[in-house]
Amino acid sequence: MIPEDVKAWRKAERARLLALREAMPAEARHAHNEAITRRLIDNFPQLARMTIGFYWPLRGEFDARLAMLNFRKLGARTALPVVVQKAAPLQFRLWWPGAPTTVGVYDLPVPETEVVVPQAVLMPPIGFDAQCYRLGYGGGFFDRTLAASSPQPLKIGVAFELSRIATIHPQPHDVPMDLVVTEQGIHRPA
């Protein structure tokens, strides 16, 4: 596909996958959230010793907060992403329950705390493929952030199986995740 076709295809696929995710019944979402949380806790004990960048759930995304609370109890530090400016990498700021925050874009909390560099980043793909490329919301913030990161953090996608697609038609700027955790398993690049 030429870049213009990829852009149009991604926009349509993004809309289709968001509609599927948002239509998921509450009971199924709750069960999937529990399964993914358990998979993260059981399979990634090293996260308890790391600074973990994660996200506040939006539009039916997997809710990583319970997993983060678990890792915090074991010694991890957790951080939320902050958009500092358009077309720039994200900044991560420490977050803990009760951390001082302001309201940001989409009414998401923005910590007013120390800026940190995460050793692991949990990302919510709208779609993901067999090579662990991520179809996001289209702003390129995670790709830009990861491209600028050195050393690279452990890149963990967390998504529901209904987000898995054959390909996102990766472009040169796309940065693959190291793995994707879903309610059904852990997917690594094919």
C-alpha atoms as a PDB file:
ATOM      1  CA  MET A   1       0.000   0.000   0.000  1.00  0.00           C
ATOM      2  CA  ILE A   2       1.135   3.531  -0.645  1.00  0.00           C
ATOM      3  CA  PRO A   3       1.292   5.820   2.426  1.00  0.00           C
ATOM      4  CA  GLU A   4      -1.972   7.620   1.558  1.00  0.00           C
ATOM      5  CA  ASP A   5      -3.799   4.276   1.324  1.00  0.00           C
ATOM      6  CA  VAL A   6      -2.275   3.106   4.614  1.00  0.00           C
ATOM      7  CA  LYS A   7      -3.428   6.295   6.324  1.00  0.00           C
ATOM      8  CA  ALA A   8      -7.014   5.834   5.077  1.00  0.00           C
ATOM      9  CA  TRP A   9      -7.001   2.127   5.922  1.00  0.00           C
ATOM     10  CA  ARG A  10      -5.692   2.805   9.450  1.00  0.00           C
ATOM     11  CA  LYS A  11      -8.358   5.442  10.060  1.00  0.00           C
ATOM     12  CA  ALA A  12     -11.121   3.010   9.046  1.00  0.00           C
ATOM     13  CA  GLU A  13      -9.581   0.092  10.979  1.00  0.00           C
ATOM     14  CA  ARG A  14      -9.131   2.283  14.066  1.00  0.00           C
ATOM     15  CA  ALA A  15     -12.830   3.218  13.964  1.00  0.00           C
ATOM     16  CA  ARG A  16     -13.892  -0.420  13.468  1.00  0.00           C
ATOM     17  CA  LEU A  17     -11.743  -1.730  16.328  1.00  0.00           C
ATOM     18  CA  LEU A  18     -12.759   1.062  18.706  1.00  0.00           C
ATOM     19  CA  ALA A  19     -16.430   0.306  18.013  1.00  0.00           C
ATOM     20  CA  LEU A  20     -15.826  -3.396  18.769  1.00  0.00           C
ATOM     21  CA  ARG A  21     -13.961  -2.611  22.001  1.00  0.00           C
ATOM     22  CA  GLU A  22     -16.489  -0.060  23.215  1.00  0.00           C
ATOM     23  CA  ALA A  23     -19.374  -2.463  22.495  1.00  0.00           C
ATOM     24  CA  MET A  24     -17.881  -5.197  24.691  1.00  0.00           C
ATOM     25  CA  PRO A  25     -20.335  -6.130  27.483  1.00  0.00           C
ATOM     26  CA  ALA A  26     -19.278  -4.983  30.962  1.00  0.00           C
ATOM     27  CA  GLU A  27     -19.050  -8.570  32.293  1.00  0.00           C
ATOM     28  CA  ALA A  28     -16.694  -9.614  29.484  1.00  0.00           C
ATOM     29  CA  ARG A  29     -14.557  -6.489  29.943  1.00  0.00           C
ATOM     30  CA  HIS A  30     -14.301  -7.180  33.678  1.00  0.00           C
ATOM     31  CA  ALA A  31     -13.313 -10.832  33.073  1.00  0.00           C
ATOM     32  CA  HIS A  32     -10.739  -9.849  30.431  1.00  0.00           C
ATOM     33  CA  ASN A  33      -9.292  -7.162  32.722  1.00  0.00           C
ATOM     34  CA  GLU A  34      -8.897  -9.727  35.515  1.00  0.00           C
ATOM     35  CA  ALA A  35      -7.227 -12.250  33.189  1.00  0.00           C
ATOM     36  CA  ILE A  36      -4.752  -9.700  31.796  1.00  0.00           C
ATOM     37  CA  THR A  37      -3.976  -8.361  35.283  1.00  0.00           C
ATOM     38  CA  ARG A  38      -3.269 -11.894  36.520  1.00  0.00           C
ATOM     39  CA  ARG A  39      -1.090 -12.623  33.466  1.00  0.00           C
ATOM     40  CA  LEU A  40       0.972  -9.462  34.075  1.00  0.00           C
ATOM     41  CA  ILE A  41       1.457 -10.225  37.778  1.00  0.00           C
ATOM     42  CA  ASP A  42       2.296 -13.899  37.242  1.00  0.00           C
ATOM     43  CA  ASN A  43       4.580 -13.537  34.202  1.00  0.00           C
ATOM     44  CA  PHE A  44       6.442 -10.291  34.812  1.00  0.00           C
ATOM     45  CA  PRO A  45       7.780 -10.316  38.398  1.00  0.00           C
ATOM     46  CA  GLN A  46      10.694  -8.115  37.248  1.00  0.00           C
ATOM     47  CA  LEU A  47       8.247  -5.194  36.967  1.00  0.00           C
ATOM     48  CA  ALA A  48       8.239  -4.994  40.779  1.00  0.00           C
ATOM     49  CA  ARG A  49      11.808  -3.631  40.591  1.00  0.00           C
ATOM     50  CA  MET A  50      11.210  -1.129  37.796  1.00  0.00           C
ATOM     51  CA  THR A  51       9.787   2.269  37.020  1.00  0.00           C
ATOM     52  CA  ILE A  52       6.723   1.449  34.910  1.00  0.00           C
ATOM     53  CA  GLY A  53       5.094   3.870  32.517  1.00  0.00           C
ATOM     54  CA  PHE A  54       1.424   3.099  32.054  1.00  0.00           C
ATOM     55  CA  TYR A  55      -1.726   4.938  31.016  1.00  0.00           C
ATOM     56  CA  TRP A  56      -5.091   5.938  32.461  1.00  0.00           C
ATOM     57  CA  PRO A  57      -7.784   3.853  30.690  1.00  0.00           C
ATOM     58  CA  LEU A  58      -9.813   5.523  27.973  1.00  0.00           C
ATOM     59  CA  ARG A  59     -12.507   4.312  25.582  1.00  0.00           C
ATOM     60  CA  GLY A  60     -12.788   0.762  26.908  1.00  0.00           C
ATOM     61  CA  GLU A  61      -9.048   0.062  27.144  1.00  0.00           C
ATOM     62  CA  PHE A  62      -7.628  -2.548  29.495  1.00  0.00           C
ATOM     63  CA  ASP A  63      -7.437  -0.967  32.961  1.00  0.00           C
ATOM     64  CA  ALA A  64      -3.847  -1.425  34.166  1.00  0.00           C
ATOM     65  CA  ARG A  65      -4.354   0.336  37.511  1.00  0.00           C
ATOM     66  CA  LEU A  66      -4.877  -2.819  39.616  1.00  0.00           C
ATOM     67  CA  ALA A  67      -1.729  -4.402  38.206  1.00  0.00           C
ATOM     68  CA  MET A  68       0.182  -1.174  38.876  1.00  0.00           C
ATOM     69  CA  LEU A  69      -1.064  -1.061  42.476  1.00  0.00           C
ATOM     70  CA  ASN A  70       0.152  -4.639  42.911  1.00  0.00           C
ATOM     71  CA  PHE A  71       3.609  -3.823  41.525  1.00  0.00           C
ATOM     72  CA  ARG A  72       3.785  -0.656  43.639  1.00  0.00           C
ATOM     73  CA  LYS A  73       3.227  -2.751  46.796  1.00  0.00           C
ATOM     74  CA  LEU A  74       6.227  -4.831  45.732  1.00  0.00           C
ATOM     75  CA  GLY A  75       8.479  -1.810  45.202  1.00  0.00           C
ATOM     76  CA  ALA A  76       7.814  -0.529  41.671  1.00  0.00           C
ATOM     77  CA  ARG A  77       7.431   3.117  40.805  1.00  0.00           C
ATOM     78  CA  THR A  78       4.665   4.015  38.367  1.00  0.00           C
ATOM     79  CA  ALA A  79       4.384   6.930  35.973  1.00  0.00           C
ATOM     80  CA  LEU A  80       1.735   8.380  33.683  1.00  0.00           C
ATOM     81  CA  PRO A  81       2.435   9.885  30.252  1.00  0.00           C
ATOM     82  CA  VAL A  82       2.030  13.597  29.680  1.00  0.00           C
ATOM     83  CA  VAL A  83       1.684  15.297  26.318  1.00  0.00           C
ATOM     84  CA  VAL A  84       4.101  18.230  26.532  1.00  0.00           C
ATOM     85  CA  GLN A  85       3.517  19.456  22.990  1.00  0.00           C
ATOM     86  CA  LYS A  86       2.156  18.214  19.698  1.00  0.00           C
ATOM     87  CA  ALA A  87       4.544  16.058  17.604  1.00  0.00           C
ATOM     88  CA  ALA A  88       6.941  15.591  20.538  1.00  0.00           C
ATOM     89  CA  PRO A  89       7.775  12.571  22.722  1.00  0.00           C
ATOM     90  CA  LEU A  90       5.698  11.998  25.826  1.00  0.00           C
ATOM     91  CA  GLN A  91       7.032  12.866  29.245  1.00  0.00           C
ATOM     92  CA  PHE A  92       6.409  10.420  32.103  1.00  0.00           C
ATOM     93  CA  ARG A  93       5.693  11.729  35.596  1.00  0.00           C
ATOM     94  CA  LEU A  94       5.546   9.692  38.773  1.00  0.00           C
ATOM     95  CA  TRP A  95       2.074   8.644  39.858  1.00  0.00           C
ATOM     96  CA  TRP A  96       0.791   7.034  43.032  1.00  0.00           C
ATOM     97  CA  PRO A  97      -2.694   6.949  44.559  1.00  0.00           C
ATOM     98  CA  GLY A  98      -3.283  10.470  45.854  1.00  0.00           C
ATOM     99  CA  ALA A  99      -0.503  12.055  43.759  1.00  0.00           C
ATOM    100  CA  PRO A 100      -1.240  15.705  42.957  1.00  0.00           C
ATOM    101  CA  THR A 101      -2.747  15.940  39.482  1.00  0.00           C
ATOM    102  CA  THR A 102      -4.448  18.383  37.180  1.00  0.00           C
ATOM    103  CA  VAL A 103      -6.984  17.553  34.493  1.00  0.00           C
ATOM    104  CA  GLY A 104      -5.519  17.160  31.023  1.00  0.00           C
ATOM    105  CA  VAL A 105      -6.676  16.222  27.548  1.00  0.00           C
ATOM    106  CA  TYR A 106      -9.747  13.916  27.539  1.00  0.00           C
ATOM    107  CA  ASP A 107     -10.105  14.669  31.293  1.00  0.00           C
ATOM    108  CA  LEU A 108      -7.136  12.391  32.009  1.00  0.00           C
ATOM    109  CA  PRO A 109      -5.078  13.024  35.156  1.00  0.00           C
ATOM    110  CA  VAL A 110      -1.738  14.787  34.662  1.00  0.00           C
ATOM    111  CA  PRO A 111       0.614  14.290  37.633  1.00  0.00           C
ATOM    112  CA  GLU A 112       2.350  17.373  38.994  1.00  0.00           C
ATOM    113  CA  THR A 113       5.313  15.303  40.084  1.00  0.00           C
ATOM    114  CA  GLU A 114       8.873  14.367  39.167  1.00  0.00           C
ATOM    115  CA  VAL A 115       9.697  13.484  35.551  1.00  0.00           C
ATOM    116  CA  VAL A 116      11.120   9.946  35.239  1.00  0.00           C
ATOM    117  CA  VAL A 117      12.353   7.612  32.509  1.00  0.00           C
ATOM    118  CA  PRO A 118      10.441   4.312  32.609  1.00  0.00           C
ATOM    119  CA  GLN A 119      12.263   0.994  32.339  1.00  0.00           C
ATOM    120  CA  ALA A 120       9.045  -0.650  31.131  1.00  0.00           C
ATOM    121  CA  VAL A 121       6.073   0.884  29.329  1.00  0.00           C
ATOM    122  CA  LEU A 122       2.566  -0.579  29.130  1.00  0.00           C
ATOM    123  CA  MET A 123       0.790   0.599  25.988  1.00  0.00           C
ATOM    124  CA  PRO A 124      -2.840   0.189  24.919  1.00  0.00           C
ATOM    125  CA  PRO A 125      -3.061  -0.657  21.224  1.00  0.00           C
ATOM    126  CA  ILE A 126      -6.351  -0.197  19.434  1.00  0.00           C
ATOM    127  CA  GLY A 127      -5.048  -2.958  17.184  1.00  0.00           C
ATOM    128  CA  PHE A 128      -1.931  -5.123  17.064  1.00  0.00           C
ATOM    129  CA  ASP A 129      -0.491  -7.606  14.612  1.00  0.00           C
ATOM    130  CA  ALA A 130       1.651 -10.762  14.586  1.00  0.00           C
ATOM    131  CA  GLN A 131       4.860  -8.690  14.583  1.00  0.00           C
ATOM    132  CA  CYS A 132       3.622  -6.792  17.684  1.00  0.00           C
ATOM    133  CA  TYR A 133       3.207  -3.528  15.824  1.00  0.00           C
ATOM    134  CA  ARG A 134       0.655  -1.256  17.446  1.00  0.00           C
ATOM    135  CA  LEU A 135      -2.209   0.625  15.819  1.00  0.00           C
ATOM    136  CA  GLY A 136      -2.763   3.555  18.170  1.00  0.00           C
ATOM    137  CA  TYR A 137      -4.971   6.617  18.125  1.00  0.00           C
ATOM    138  CA  GLY A 138      -2.942   8.185  15.330  1.00  0.00           C
ATOM    139  CA  GLY A 139      -1.008  10.906  17.138  1.00  0.00           C
ATOM    140  CA  GLY A 140       2.293   9.002  17.050  1.00  0.00           C
ATOM    141  CA  PHE A 141       3.116   9.874  20.669  1.00  0.00           C
ATOM    142  CA  PHE A 142       4.168   6.401  21.800  1.00  0.00           C
ATOM    143  CA  ASP A 143       6.178   5.758  18.604  1.00  0.00           C
ATOM    144  CA  ARG A 144       7.936   9.118  18.941  1.00  0.00           C
ATOM    145  CA  THR A 145       8.645   8.486  22.626  1.00  0.00           C
ATOM    146  CA  LEU A 146      10.039   5.001  22.016  1.00  0.00           C
ATOM    147  CA  ALA A 147      12.134   6.120  19.046  1.00  0.00           C
ATOM    148  CA  ALA A 148      13.742   8.758  21.282  1.00  0.00           C
ATOM    149  CA  SER A 149      14.307   6.393  24.239  1.00  0.00           C
ATOM    150  CA  SER A 150      17.782   5.135  25.034  1.00  0.00           C
ATOM    151  CA  PRO A 151      18.066   2.596  26.430  1.00  0.00           C
ATOM    152  CA  GLN A 152      14.833   1.131  25.156  1.00  0.00           C
ATOM    153  CA  PRO A 153      12.266   0.232  27.832  1.00  0.00           C
ATOM    154  CA  LEU A 154      10.525  -3.131  27.914  1.00  0.00           C
ATOM    155  CA  LYS A 155       7.571  -2.426  25.602  1.00  0.00           C
ATOM    156  CA  ILE A 156       4.447  -4.304  26.710  1.00  0.00           C
ATOM    157  CA  GLY A 157       1.200  -3.964  24.813  1.00  0.00           C
ATOM    158  CA  VAL A 158      -1.930  -4.778  26.796  1.00  0.00           C
ATOM    159  CA  ALA A 159      -5.079  -5.395  24.779  1.00  0.00           C
ATOM    160  CA  PHE A 160      -8.105  -7.579  24.308  1.00  0.00           C
ATOM    161  CA  GLU A 161      -7.908 -10.398  21.728  1.00  0.00           C
ATOM    162  CA  LEU A 162     -10.542  -8.652  19.621  1.00  0.00           C
ATOM    163  CA  SER A 163      -7.805  -6.084  18.850  1.00  0.00           C
ATOM    164  CA  ARG A 164      -5.624  -8.617  17.039  1.00  0.00           C
ATOM    165  CA  ILE A 165      -5.473  -8.105  13.268  1.00  0.00           C
ATOM    166  CA  ALA A 166      -3.374  -9.584  10.449  1.00  0.00           C
ATOM    167  CA  THR A 167      -1.235  -6.473   9.959  1.00  0.00           C
ATOM    168  CA  ILE A 168      -1.227  -2.775  10.756  1.00  0.00           C
ATOM    169  CA  HIS A 169       0.785  -2.191   7.549  1.00  0.00           C
ATOM    170  CA  PRO A 170       3.812  -0.928   9.514  1.00  0.00           C
ATOM    171  CA  GLN A 171       5.528   2.202   8.284  1.00  0.00           C
ATOM    172  CA  PRO A 172       9.165   3.263   8.875  1.00  0.00           C
ATOM    173  CA  HIS A 173       8.188   5.362  11.922  1.00  0.00           C
ATOM    174  CA  ASP A 174       6.305   2.517  13.678  1.00  0.00           C
ATOM    175  CA  VAL A 175       8.067   0.963  16.683  1.00  0.00           C
ATOM    176  CA  PRO A 176       7.018  -2.616  17.526  1.00  0.00           C
ATOM    177  CA  MET A 177       6.187  -3.709  21.053  1.00  0.00           C
ATOM    178  CA  ASP A 178       8.291  -6.480  22.588  1.00  0.00           C
ATOM    179  CA  LEU A 179       5.133  -8.445  23.352  1.00  0.00           C
ATOM    180  CA  VAL A 180       1.383  -8.103  23.786  1.00  0.00           C
ATOM    181  CA  VAL A 181      -0.536  -9.476  26.769  1.00  0.00           C
ATOM    182  CA  THR A 182      -4.198 -10.355  26.216  1.00  0.00           C
ATOM    183  CA  GLU A 183      -6.808 -12.300  28.136  1.00  0.00           C
ATOM    184  CA  GLN A 184      -5.826 -15.374  26.086  1.00  0.00           C
ATOM    185  CA  GLY A 185      -2.054 -15.266  26.259  1.00  0.00           C
ATOM    186  CA  ILE A 186       1.235 -13.522  25.664  1.00  0.00           C
ATOM    187  CA  HIS A 187       2.033 -12.777  22.032  1.00  0.00           C
ATOM    188  CA  ARG A 188       5.606 -12.233  20.858  1.00  0.00           C
ATOM    189  CA  PRO A 189       6.678 -11.150  17.364  1.00  0.00           C
ATOM    190  CA  ALA A 190       6.202 -13.990  14.887  1.00  0.00           C
END
